[in-house]
N, C-alpha and C. Protein backbone atom coordinates (compact mmCIF):
# COMPACT_ATOMS: atom_id res chain seq x y z
N UNK A 1 5.03 -56.27 9.00
CA UNK A 1 4.45 -54.96 8.82
C UNK A 1 5.36 -53.92 9.48
N UNK A 2 5.70 -52.91 8.71
CA UNK A 2 6.57 -51.86 9.20
C UNK A 2 5.74 -50.63 9.56
N UNK A 3 5.96 -50.08 10.71
CA UNK A 3 5.25 -48.87 11.13
C UNK A 3 6.09 -47.64 10.79
N UNK A 4 5.41 -46.63 10.34
CA UNK A 4 6.07 -45.38 10.01
C UNK A 4 6.23 -44.56 11.28
N UNK A 5 7.44 -44.19 11.58
CA UNK A 5 7.72 -43.40 12.78
C UNK A 5 7.58 -41.92 12.43
N UNK A 6 6.73 -41.22 13.14
CA UNK A 6 6.46 -39.81 12.88
C UNK A 6 7.05 -38.98 14.02
N UNK A 7 7.79 -37.97 13.64
CA UNK A 7 8.37 -37.05 14.61
C UNK A 7 7.42 -35.85 14.71
N UNK A 8 6.42 -35.96 15.59
CA UNK A 8 5.38 -34.95 15.72
C UNK A 8 5.92 -33.56 16.06
N UNK A 9 6.84 -33.38 17.01
CA UNK A 9 7.34 -32.02 17.29
C UNK A 9 7.98 -31.37 16.06
N UNK A 10 8.69 -32.13 15.29
CA UNK A 10 9.35 -31.58 14.09
C UNK A 10 8.31 -31.16 13.05
N UNK A 11 7.31 -31.99 12.86
CA UNK A 11 6.24 -31.66 11.91
C UNK A 11 5.49 -30.41 12.35
N UNK A 12 5.21 -30.30 13.64
CA UNK A 12 4.52 -29.12 14.15
C UNK A 12 5.35 -27.85 13.95
N UNK A 13 6.64 -27.94 14.18
CA UNK A 13 7.52 -26.78 13.99
C UNK A 13 7.52 -26.32 12.54
N UNK A 14 7.60 -27.26 11.62
CA UNK A 14 7.58 -26.93 10.19
C UNK A 14 6.24 -26.30 9.82
N UNK A 15 5.15 -26.87 10.31
CA UNK A 15 3.82 -26.34 10.03
C UNK A 15 3.67 -24.92 10.55
N UNK A 16 4.09 -24.68 11.77
CA UNK A 16 3.99 -23.34 12.36
C UNK A 16 4.85 -22.35 11.59
N UNK A 17 6.04 -22.74 11.21
CA UNK A 17 6.95 -21.87 10.45
C UNK A 17 6.29 -21.43 9.15
N UNK A 18 5.76 -22.38 8.38
CA UNK A 18 5.14 -22.03 7.10
C UNK A 18 3.83 -21.27 7.29
N UNK A 19 3.11 -21.54 8.35
CA UNK A 19 1.87 -20.81 8.62
C UNK A 19 2.15 -19.35 8.91
N UNK A 20 3.17 -19.09 9.71
CA UNK A 20 3.51 -17.71 10.06
C UNK A 20 3.97 -16.95 8.82
N UNK A 21 4.86 -17.53 8.05
CA UNK A 21 5.40 -16.82 6.89
C UNK A 21 4.41 -16.71 5.75
N UNK A 22 3.47 -17.61 5.64
CA UNK A 22 2.47 -17.48 4.59
C UNK A 22 1.46 -16.41 4.94
N UNK A 23 1.27 -16.12 6.22
CA UNK A 23 0.34 -15.08 6.65
C UNK A 23 0.97 -13.70 6.62
N UNK A 24 2.27 -13.64 6.65
CA UNK A 24 2.94 -12.35 6.65
C UNK A 24 2.92 -11.79 5.24
N UNK A 25 2.36 -10.60 5.09
CA UNK A 25 2.29 -9.96 3.79
C UNK A 25 3.35 -8.88 3.73
N UNK A 26 4.08 -8.88 2.64
CA UNK A 26 5.12 -7.87 2.47
C UNK A 26 4.47 -6.52 2.22
N UNK A 27 4.86 -5.53 2.99
CA UNK A 27 4.32 -4.20 2.81
C UNK A 27 4.87 -3.60 1.53
N UNK A 28 3.99 -3.00 0.76
CA UNK A 28 4.37 -2.43 -0.53
C UNK A 28 4.70 -0.95 -0.33
N UNK A 29 5.69 -0.48 -1.07
CA UNK A 29 6.11 0.91 -0.93
C UNK A 29 5.09 1.87 -1.55
N UNK A 30 5.13 3.09 -1.08
CA UNK A 30 4.29 4.17 -1.60
C UNK A 30 5.22 5.29 -2.05
N UNK A 31 5.04 5.74 -3.29
CA UNK A 31 5.85 6.83 -3.81
C UNK A 31 4.95 7.99 -4.21
N UNK A 32 5.54 9.18 -4.27
CA UNK A 32 4.80 10.37 -4.68
C UNK A 32 5.06 10.64 -6.15
N UNK A 33 3.98 10.88 -6.90
CA UNK A 33 4.10 11.25 -8.31
C UNK A 33 4.52 12.70 -8.45
N UNK A 34 4.90 13.08 -9.66
CA UNK A 34 5.42 14.44 -9.91
C UNK A 34 4.38 15.52 -9.62
N UNK A 35 3.09 15.24 -9.87
CA UNK A 35 2.07 16.26 -9.61
C UNK A 35 1.92 16.55 -8.12
N UNK A 36 2.21 15.57 -7.28
CA UNK A 36 2.15 15.75 -5.82
C UNK A 36 3.38 16.52 -5.34
N UNK A 37 4.55 16.11 -5.82
CA UNK A 37 5.80 16.77 -5.44
C UNK A 37 5.80 18.23 -5.90
N UNK A 38 5.29 18.49 -7.11
CA UNK A 38 5.25 19.85 -7.67
C UNK A 38 4.38 20.79 -6.84
N UNK A 39 3.43 20.24 -6.10
CA UNK A 39 2.55 21.08 -5.26
C UNK A 39 3.13 21.27 -3.86
N UNK A 40 4.35 20.80 -3.63
CA UNK A 40 5.01 21.00 -2.35
C UNK A 40 4.51 20.11 -1.24
N UNK A 41 4.05 18.91 -1.60
CA UNK A 41 3.55 17.96 -0.60
C UNK A 41 4.64 16.93 -0.34
N UNK A 42 4.83 16.62 0.94
CA UNK A 42 5.77 15.57 1.31
C UNK A 42 5.04 14.50 2.11
N UNK A 43 5.62 13.32 2.13
CA UNK A 43 5.04 12.20 2.85
C UNK A 43 6.04 11.77 3.92
N UNK A 44 5.59 11.70 5.16
CA UNK A 44 6.50 11.31 6.23
C UNK A 44 6.36 9.85 6.63
N UNK A 45 5.21 9.25 6.33
CA UNK A 45 5.04 7.83 6.63
C UNK A 45 3.97 7.24 5.72
N UNK A 46 4.08 5.94 5.52
CA UNK A 46 3.07 5.23 4.73
C UNK A 46 2.96 3.81 5.26
N UNK A 47 1.79 3.23 5.02
CA UNK A 47 1.53 1.87 5.48
C UNK A 47 0.55 1.24 4.50
N UNK A 48 0.86 0.05 4.04
CA UNK A 48 -0.07 -0.67 3.17
C UNK A 48 -0.35 -2.05 3.75
N UNK A 49 -1.61 -2.32 3.94
CA UNK A 49 -2.06 -3.61 4.47
C UNK A 49 -3.25 -4.07 3.66
N UNK A 50 -3.11 -5.22 3.03
CA UNK A 50 -4.18 -5.80 2.22
C UNK A 50 -4.71 -4.77 1.24
N UNK A 51 -5.95 -4.35 1.34
CA UNK A 51 -6.53 -3.43 0.36
C UNK A 51 -6.55 -1.98 0.84
N UNK A 52 -5.79 -1.66 1.88
CA UNK A 52 -5.79 -0.31 2.45
C UNK A 52 -4.39 0.29 2.44
N UNK A 53 -4.30 1.55 2.03
CA UNK A 53 -3.04 2.30 2.02
C UNK A 53 -3.26 3.57 2.82
N UNK A 54 -2.38 3.81 3.80
CA UNK A 54 -2.44 5.03 4.62
C UNK A 54 -1.16 5.82 4.42
N UNK A 55 -1.31 7.13 4.23
CA UNK A 55 -0.15 8.01 4.07
C UNK A 55 -0.35 9.26 4.91
N UNK A 56 0.74 9.75 5.50
CA UNK A 56 0.70 11.01 6.25
C UNK A 56 1.36 12.06 5.37
N UNK A 57 0.56 13.06 4.97
CA UNK A 57 1.02 14.09 4.05
C UNK A 57 1.14 15.43 4.74
N UNK A 58 2.17 16.20 4.36
CA UNK A 58 2.41 17.55 4.88
C UNK A 58 2.52 18.49 3.70
N UNK A 59 1.84 19.65 3.80
CA UNK A 59 1.88 20.62 2.71
C UNK A 59 2.72 21.84 3.07
N UNK A 60 3.28 22.45 2.04
CA UNK A 60 3.96 23.73 2.22
C UNK A 60 2.96 24.86 1.98
N UNK A 61 2.17 24.71 0.92
CA UNK A 61 1.16 25.70 0.55
C UNK A 61 -0.22 25.04 0.55
N UNK A 62 -1.25 25.85 0.41
CA UNK A 62 -2.61 25.30 0.32
C UNK A 62 -2.72 24.44 -0.93
N UNK A 63 -3.45 23.36 -0.80
CA UNK A 63 -3.64 22.46 -1.94
C UNK A 63 -5.04 21.85 -1.89
N UNK A 64 -5.63 21.71 -3.07
CA UNK A 64 -6.96 21.13 -3.16
C UNK A 64 -7.05 20.34 -4.46
N UNK A 65 -7.66 19.19 -4.41
CA UNK A 65 -7.85 18.39 -5.61
C UNK A 65 -8.13 16.94 -5.28
N UNK A 66 -8.35 16.17 -6.33
CA UNK A 66 -8.63 14.75 -6.17
C UNK A 66 -7.31 13.99 -6.24
N UNK A 67 -6.97 13.34 -5.15
CA UNK A 67 -5.72 12.60 -5.03
C UNK A 67 -5.99 11.12 -5.34
N UNK A 68 -5.17 10.56 -6.24
CA UNK A 68 -5.33 9.17 -6.65
C UNK A 68 -4.20 8.33 -6.07
N UNK A 69 -4.53 7.18 -5.57
CA UNK A 69 -3.53 6.18 -5.20
C UNK A 69 -3.61 5.13 -6.29
N UNK A 70 -2.53 5.00 -7.08
CA UNK A 70 -2.51 4.06 -8.19
C UNK A 70 -1.75 2.81 -7.77
N UNK A 71 -2.36 1.66 -7.99
CA UNK A 71 -1.71 0.38 -7.72
C UNK A 71 -0.93 -0.01 -8.97
N UNK A 72 0.39 -0.22 -8.81
CA UNK A 72 1.25 -0.52 -9.95
C UNK A 72 1.78 -1.95 -9.86
N UNK A 73 1.91 -2.58 -11.03
CA UNK A 73 2.47 -3.94 -11.07
C UNK A 73 3.98 -3.87 -11.27
N UNK A 74 4.61 -5.02 -11.45
CA UNK A 74 6.07 -5.10 -11.56
C UNK A 74 6.59 -4.32 -12.77
N UNK A 75 5.75 -4.15 -13.80
CA UNK A 75 6.15 -3.39 -15.00
C UNK A 75 5.90 -1.90 -14.86
N UNK A 76 5.35 -1.48 -13.72
CA UNK A 76 5.04 -0.06 -13.52
C UNK A 76 3.72 0.36 -14.14
N UNK A 77 2.91 -0.60 -14.57
CA UNK A 77 1.61 -0.32 -15.18
C UNK A 77 0.54 -0.26 -14.09
N UNK A 78 -0.37 0.68 -14.26
CA UNK A 78 -1.47 0.83 -13.31
C UNK A 78 -2.45 -0.33 -13.47
N UNK A 79 -2.80 -0.97 -12.34
CA UNK A 79 -3.77 -2.06 -12.38
C UNK A 79 -4.96 -1.81 -11.44
N UNK A 80 -4.99 -0.65 -10.82
CA UNK A 80 -6.10 -0.29 -9.96
C UNK A 80 -5.88 1.09 -9.37
N UNK A 81 -6.96 1.69 -8.88
CA UNK A 81 -6.81 3.00 -8.23
C UNK A 81 -7.91 3.23 -7.21
N UNK A 82 -7.57 4.12 -6.29
CA UNK A 82 -8.51 4.57 -5.27
C UNK A 82 -8.34 6.08 -5.19
N UNK A 83 -9.36 6.80 -4.79
CA UNK A 83 -9.27 8.26 -4.78
C UNK A 83 -9.81 8.85 -3.49
N UNK A 84 -9.29 10.03 -3.16
CA UNK A 84 -9.74 10.81 -2.01
C UNK A 84 -9.64 12.29 -2.38
N UNK A 85 -10.60 13.06 -1.93
CA UNK A 85 -10.50 14.52 -2.10
C UNK A 85 -9.55 15.05 -1.03
N UNK A 86 -8.63 15.91 -1.45
CA UNK A 86 -7.65 16.48 -0.53
C UNK A 86 -7.85 17.98 -0.50
N UNK A 87 -7.99 18.54 0.69
CA UNK A 87 -8.16 19.97 0.87
C UNK A 87 -7.37 20.36 2.11
N UNK A 88 -6.14 20.85 1.91
CA UNK A 88 -5.27 21.20 3.02
C UNK A 88 -4.82 22.65 2.89
N UNK A 89 -4.71 23.31 4.02
CA UNK A 89 -4.22 24.69 4.04
C UNK A 89 -2.70 24.73 4.06
N UNK A 90 -2.17 25.94 4.10
CA UNK A 90 -0.73 26.13 4.14
C UNK A 90 -0.18 25.53 5.43
N UNK A 91 0.95 24.82 5.32
CA UNK A 91 1.61 24.15 6.44
C UNK A 91 0.62 23.28 7.22
N UNK A 92 -0.11 22.47 6.49
CA UNK A 92 -1.11 21.58 7.08
C UNK A 92 -0.65 20.13 6.91
N UNK A 93 -1.31 19.22 7.61
CA UNK A 93 -0.96 17.80 7.51
C UNK A 93 -2.20 16.96 7.74
N UNK A 94 -2.16 15.74 7.19
CA UNK A 94 -3.32 14.87 7.32
C UNK A 94 -2.92 13.42 7.01
N UNK A 95 -3.54 12.49 7.74
CA UNK A 95 -3.42 11.07 7.44
C UNK A 95 -4.55 10.74 6.45
N UNK A 96 -4.17 10.27 5.28
CA UNK A 96 -5.14 9.97 4.22
C UNK A 96 -5.17 8.46 4.01
N UNK A 97 -6.38 7.90 3.94
CA UNK A 97 -6.55 6.46 3.76
C UNK A 97 -7.23 6.19 2.42
N UNK A 98 -6.64 5.26 1.67
CA UNK A 98 -7.19 4.82 0.39
C UNK A 98 -7.59 3.36 0.52
N UNK A 99 -8.79 3.04 0.07
CA UNK A 99 -9.27 1.66 0.09
C UNK A 99 -9.48 1.17 -1.33
N UNK A 100 -8.88 0.03 -1.65
CA UNK A 100 -9.02 -0.56 -2.97
C UNK A 100 -10.09 -1.63 -2.93
N UNK A 101 -10.89 -1.72 -4.01
CA UNK A 101 -11.96 -2.72 -4.01
C UNK A 101 -11.42 -4.10 -4.38
N UNK A 102 -12.29 -5.08 -4.26
CA UNK A 102 -11.89 -6.48 -4.43
C UNK A 102 -11.48 -6.82 -5.86
N UNK A 103 -11.80 -5.97 -6.83
CA UNK A 103 -11.45 -6.27 -8.22
C UNK A 103 -9.96 -6.08 -8.50
N UNK A 104 -9.25 -5.41 -7.61
CA UNK A 104 -7.81 -5.20 -7.79
C UNK A 104 -7.06 -6.42 -7.26
N UNK A 105 -6.27 -7.05 -8.12
CA UNK A 105 -5.49 -8.23 -7.72
C UNK A 105 -4.25 -7.74 -6.96
N UNK A 106 -4.34 -7.72 -5.65
CA UNK A 106 -3.27 -7.17 -4.81
C UNK A 106 -2.00 -8.00 -4.85
N UNK A 107 -2.10 -9.26 -5.28
CA UNK A 107 -0.90 -10.09 -5.41
C UNK A 107 0.01 -9.59 -6.53
N UNK A 108 -0.57 -8.87 -7.49
CA UNK A 108 0.21 -8.33 -8.61
C UNK A 108 0.77 -6.94 -8.32
N UNK A 109 0.33 -6.31 -7.25
CA UNK A 109 0.77 -4.95 -6.93
C UNK A 109 2.16 -5.01 -6.29
N UNK A 110 3.08 -4.19 -6.82
CA UNK A 110 4.42 -4.12 -6.24
C UNK A 110 4.64 -2.82 -5.48
N UNK A 111 3.87 -1.78 -5.82
CA UNK A 111 3.96 -0.50 -5.11
C UNK A 111 2.74 0.36 -5.46
N UNK A 112 2.59 1.45 -4.72
CA UNK A 112 1.52 2.40 -4.94
C UNK A 112 2.13 3.76 -5.25
N UNK A 113 1.46 4.54 -6.11
CA UNK A 113 1.93 5.89 -6.40
C UNK A 113 0.77 6.87 -6.23
N UNK A 114 1.06 7.99 -5.54
CA UNK A 114 0.07 9.03 -5.35
C UNK A 114 0.24 10.10 -6.41
N UNK A 115 -0.84 10.49 -7.04
CA UNK A 115 -0.85 11.54 -8.05
C UNK A 115 -2.18 12.27 -8.00
N UNK A 116 -2.18 13.51 -8.49
CA UNK A 116 -3.44 14.24 -8.60
C UNK A 116 -4.08 13.90 -9.93
N UNK A 117 -5.42 13.88 -9.92
CA UNK A 117 -6.16 13.66 -11.17
C UNK A 117 -5.90 14.86 -12.08
N UNK A 118 -5.67 14.56 -13.34
CA UNK A 118 -5.45 15.63 -14.33
C UNK A 118 -6.75 16.33 -14.61
N UNK A 119 -6.67 17.64 -14.74
CA UNK A 119 -7.88 18.44 -15.03
C UNK A 119 -8.07 18.59 -16.51
């Protein structure tokens, strides 16, 4: 009878390595759509984690409207959206948070785009 020799430290290292990297989620980029840029809004930072996207926006002029965060797939097609009302004065700034519901398949999302709802 032959016994199988197991190298426990090596197996643990491999397990830990794959556990860490499988838990790490790649942050998806956030871009501004033309309707946002045309209103003189800039973004200085963004963060996407799981179903939440946070952006810090700065305005040149007063702006008001419904801001959409569109979840885009690898083909650039919209596969989900979240919305927030935006009401900022001239030379104002705000951290805006968008939450996507569970129906959006976040594994298919490659980036997010901010745009104003068309009137």
